[in-house]
């Protein structure tokens, strides 16, 4: 799977990038036909505590799956997104079986 991680207006540290890569790679256990993933990390400039934004677009054959979360930390947002995408992948796989 081709994984692209970008951070907007800041440089993400290696530890965060490794965590994201590890978590996204685990999604292949739920659907082996993943083509790629695009992860965007942003920090909103508003003064709320939950200003870390993570967006993930998973490329699957014939479709894209997308999830976005805004949390206090990037790690928390990634955990929530992986859970959401896992559910989406399971549903997608079931649809493919029924076709």
C-alpha atoms as a PDB file:
ATOM      1  CA  UNK A   1       0.000   0.000   0.000  1.00  0.00           C
ATOM      2  CA  UNK A   2       1.233   3.457  -0.924  1.00  0.00           C
ATOM      3  CA  UNK A   3       1.128   5.778   2.127  1.00  0.00           C
ATOM      4  CA  UNK A   4       1.518   9.557   1.881  1.00  0.00           C
ATOM      5  CA  UNK A   5       1.607  11.701   5.035  1.00  0.00           C
ATOM      6  CA  UNK A   6       1.632  15.486   4.870  1.00  0.00           C
ATOM      7  CA  UNK A   7       1.579  18.092   7.594  1.00  0.00           C
ATOM      8  CA  UNK A   8       0.243  21.550   6.800  1.00  0.00           C
ATOM      9  CA  UNK A   9       2.280  24.541   8.094  1.00  0.00           C
ATOM     10  CA  UNK A  10       4.364  22.489  10.551  1.00  0.00           C
ATOM     11  CA  UNK A  11       6.807  19.586  10.604  1.00  0.00           C
ATOM     12  CA  UNK A  12       5.534  16.414  12.260  1.00  0.00           C
ATOM     13  CA  UNK A  13       8.116  14.558  14.322  1.00  0.00           C
ATOM     14  CA  UNK A  14       9.370  11.071  13.426  1.00  0.00           C
ATOM     15  CA  UNK A  15       7.600   9.447  16.379  1.00  0.00           C
ATOM     16  CA  UNK A  16       4.189  10.715  15.198  1.00  0.00           C
ATOM     17  CA  UNK A  17       4.860   9.713  11.588  1.00  0.00           C
ATOM     18  CA  UNK A  18       5.895   6.202  12.667  1.00  0.00           C
ATOM     19  CA  UNK A  19       2.760   5.840  14.794  1.00  0.00           C
ATOM     20  CA  UNK A  20       0.513   6.916  11.907  1.00  0.00           C
ATOM     21  CA  UNK A  21       2.252   4.561   9.486  1.00  0.00           C
ATOM     22  CA  UNK A  22       1.936   1.625  11.881  1.00  0.00           C
ATOM     23  CA  UNK A  23      -1.770   2.259  12.565  1.00  0.00           C
ATOM     24  CA  UNK A  24      -2.692   2.772   8.896  1.00  0.00           C
ATOM     25  CA  UNK A  25      -0.776  -0.355   7.846  1.00  0.00           C
ATOM     26  CA  UNK A  26      -2.889  -2.385  10.298  1.00  0.00           C
ATOM     27  CA  UNK A  27      -5.978  -1.565   8.221  1.00  0.00           C
ATOM     28  CA  UNK A  28      -4.688  -4.000   5.591  1.00  0.00           C
ATOM     29  CA  UNK A  29      -5.734  -6.811   7.933  1.00  0.00           C
ATOM     30  CA  UNK A  30      -9.367  -5.877   7.318  1.00  0.00           C
ATOM     31  CA  UNK A  31      -9.120  -5.459   3.556  1.00  0.00           C
ATOM     32  CA  UNK A  32      -6.071  -6.603   1.614  1.00  0.00           C
ATOM     33  CA  UNK A  33      -6.981  -4.695  -1.564  1.00  0.00           C
ATOM     34  CA  UNK A  34      -5.999  -1.255  -0.277  1.00  0.00           C
ATOM     35  CA  UNK A  35      -4.305   0.760  -3.006  1.00  0.00           C
ATOM     36  CA  UNK A  36      -3.068   3.653  -0.906  1.00  0.00           C
ATOM     37  CA  UNK A  37      -3.701   6.104   1.887  1.00  0.00           C
ATOM     38  CA  UNK A  38      -3.314   9.849   2.157  1.00  0.00           C
ATOM     39  CA  UNK A  39      -3.013  11.396   5.628  1.00  0.00           C
ATOM     40  CA  UNK A  40      -3.186  15.145   6.272  1.00  0.00           C
ATOM     41  CA  UNK A  41      -2.253  16.685   9.612  1.00  0.00           C
ATOM     42  CA  UNK A  42      -3.352  20.240  10.417  1.00  0.00           C
ATOM     43  CA  UNK A  43      -3.476  22.538  13.414  1.00  0.00           C
ATOM     44  CA  UNK A  44      -6.436  24.904  13.546  1.00  0.00           C
ATOM     45  CA  UNK A  45      -5.520  28.377  14.720  1.00  0.00           C
ATOM     46  CA  UNK A  46      -8.631  28.805  16.818  1.00  0.00           C
ATOM     47  CA  UNK A  47      -8.061  28.832  20.558  1.00  0.00           C
ATOM     48  CA  UNK A  48      -9.984  25.677  21.350  1.00  0.00           C
ATOM     49  CA  UNK A  49      -8.203  22.770  23.005  1.00  0.00           C
ATOM     50  CA  UNK A  50      -9.282  20.325  20.294  1.00  0.00           C
ATOM     51  CA  UNK A  51      -7.383  21.955  17.460  1.00  0.00           C
ATOM     52  CA  UNK A  52      -5.434  18.991  16.003  1.00  0.00           C
ATOM     53  CA  UNK A  53      -7.074  17.821  12.762  1.00  0.00           C
ATOM     54  CA  UNK A  54      -6.342  14.541  11.004  1.00  0.00           C
ATOM     55  CA  UNK A  55      -7.862  13.566   7.649  1.00  0.00           C
ATOM     56  CA  UNK A  56      -7.359  10.148   6.060  1.00  0.00           C
ATOM     57  CA  UNK A  57      -8.425   9.082   2.579  1.00  0.00           C
ATOM     58  CA  UNK A  58      -8.114   5.358   1.854  1.00  0.00           C
ATOM     59  CA  UNK A  59      -8.003   4.340  -1.780  1.00  0.00           C
ATOM     60  CA  UNK A  60      -9.861   1.097  -2.447  1.00  0.00           C
ATOM     61  CA  UNK A  61     -10.765  -0.306  -5.884  1.00  0.00           C
ATOM     62  CA  UNK A  62     -13.607   1.739  -7.350  1.00  0.00           C
ATOM     63  CA  UNK A  63     -14.028   3.998  -4.345  1.00  0.00           C
ATOM     64  CA  UNK A  64     -12.357   6.084  -1.633  1.00  0.00           C
ATOM     65  CA  UNK A  65     -13.071   5.915   2.089  1.00  0.00           C
ATOM     66  CA  UNK A  66     -12.636   9.097   4.122  1.00  0.00           C
ATOM     67  CA  UNK A  67     -12.522  10.029   7.796  1.00  0.00           C
ATOM     68  CA  UNK A  68     -11.727  13.293   9.583  1.00  0.00           C
ATOM     69  CA  UNK A  69     -11.303  13.935  13.315  1.00  0.00           C
ATOM     70  CA  UNK A  70     -10.483  16.958  15.450  1.00  0.00           C
ATOM     71  CA  UNK A  71      -9.011  16.142  18.879  1.00  0.00           C
ATOM     72  CA  UNK A  72      -6.646  17.395  21.574  1.00  0.00           C
ATOM     73  CA  UNK A  73      -3.748  15.313  20.209  1.00  0.00           C
ATOM     74  CA  UNK A  74      -2.865  13.845  16.841  1.00  0.00           C
ATOM     75  CA  UNK A  75      -2.477  10.410  18.448  1.00  0.00           C
ATOM     76  CA  UNK A  76      -6.042  10.475  19.781  1.00  0.00           C
ATOM     77  CA  UNK A  77      -7.388  11.582  16.394  1.00  0.00           C
ATOM     78  CA  UNK A  78      -5.484   8.822  14.580  1.00  0.00           C
ATOM     79  CA  UNK A  79      -6.848   6.184  16.981  1.00  0.00           C
ATOM     80  CA  UNK A  80     -10.419   7.351  16.373  1.00  0.00           C
ATOM     81  CA  UNK A  81      -9.926   7.492  12.610  1.00  0.00           C
ATOM     82  CA  UNK A  82      -8.476   3.985  12.456  1.00  0.00           C
ATOM     83  CA  UNK A  83     -11.531   2.665  14.326  1.00  0.00           C
ATOM     84  CA  UNK A  84     -13.851   4.496  11.936  1.00  0.00           C
ATOM     85  CA  UNK A  85     -12.002   3.315   8.830  1.00  0.00           C
ATOM     86  CA  UNK A  86     -11.921  -0.241  10.147  1.00  0.00           C
ATOM     87  CA  UNK A  87     -15.721  -0.187  10.319  1.00  0.00           C
ATOM     88  CA  UNK A  88     -15.939   1.350   6.838  1.00  0.00           C
ATOM     89  CA  UNK A  89     -13.587  -1.292   5.411  1.00  0.00           C
ATOM     90  CA  UNK A  90     -15.596  -4.140   6.923  1.00  0.00           C
ATOM     91  CA  UNK A  91     -18.793  -2.713   5.391  1.00  0.00           C
ATOM     92  CA  UNK A  92     -17.053  -2.187   2.037  1.00  0.00           C
ATOM     93  CA  UNK A  93     -15.757  -5.768   2.047  1.00  0.00           C
ATOM     94  CA  UNK A  94     -19.262  -7.098   2.787  1.00  0.00           C
ATOM     95  CA  UNK A  95     -20.678  -5.079  -0.117  1.00  0.00           C
ATOM     96  CA  UNK A  96     -18.045  -6.539  -2.421  1.00  0.00           C
ATOM     97  CA  UNK A  97     -18.973 -10.090  -1.380  1.00  0.00           C
ATOM     98  CA  UNK A  98     -22.646  -9.412  -2.118  1.00  0.00           C
ATOM     99  CA  UNK A  99     -21.992  -8.177  -5.675  1.00  0.00           C
END
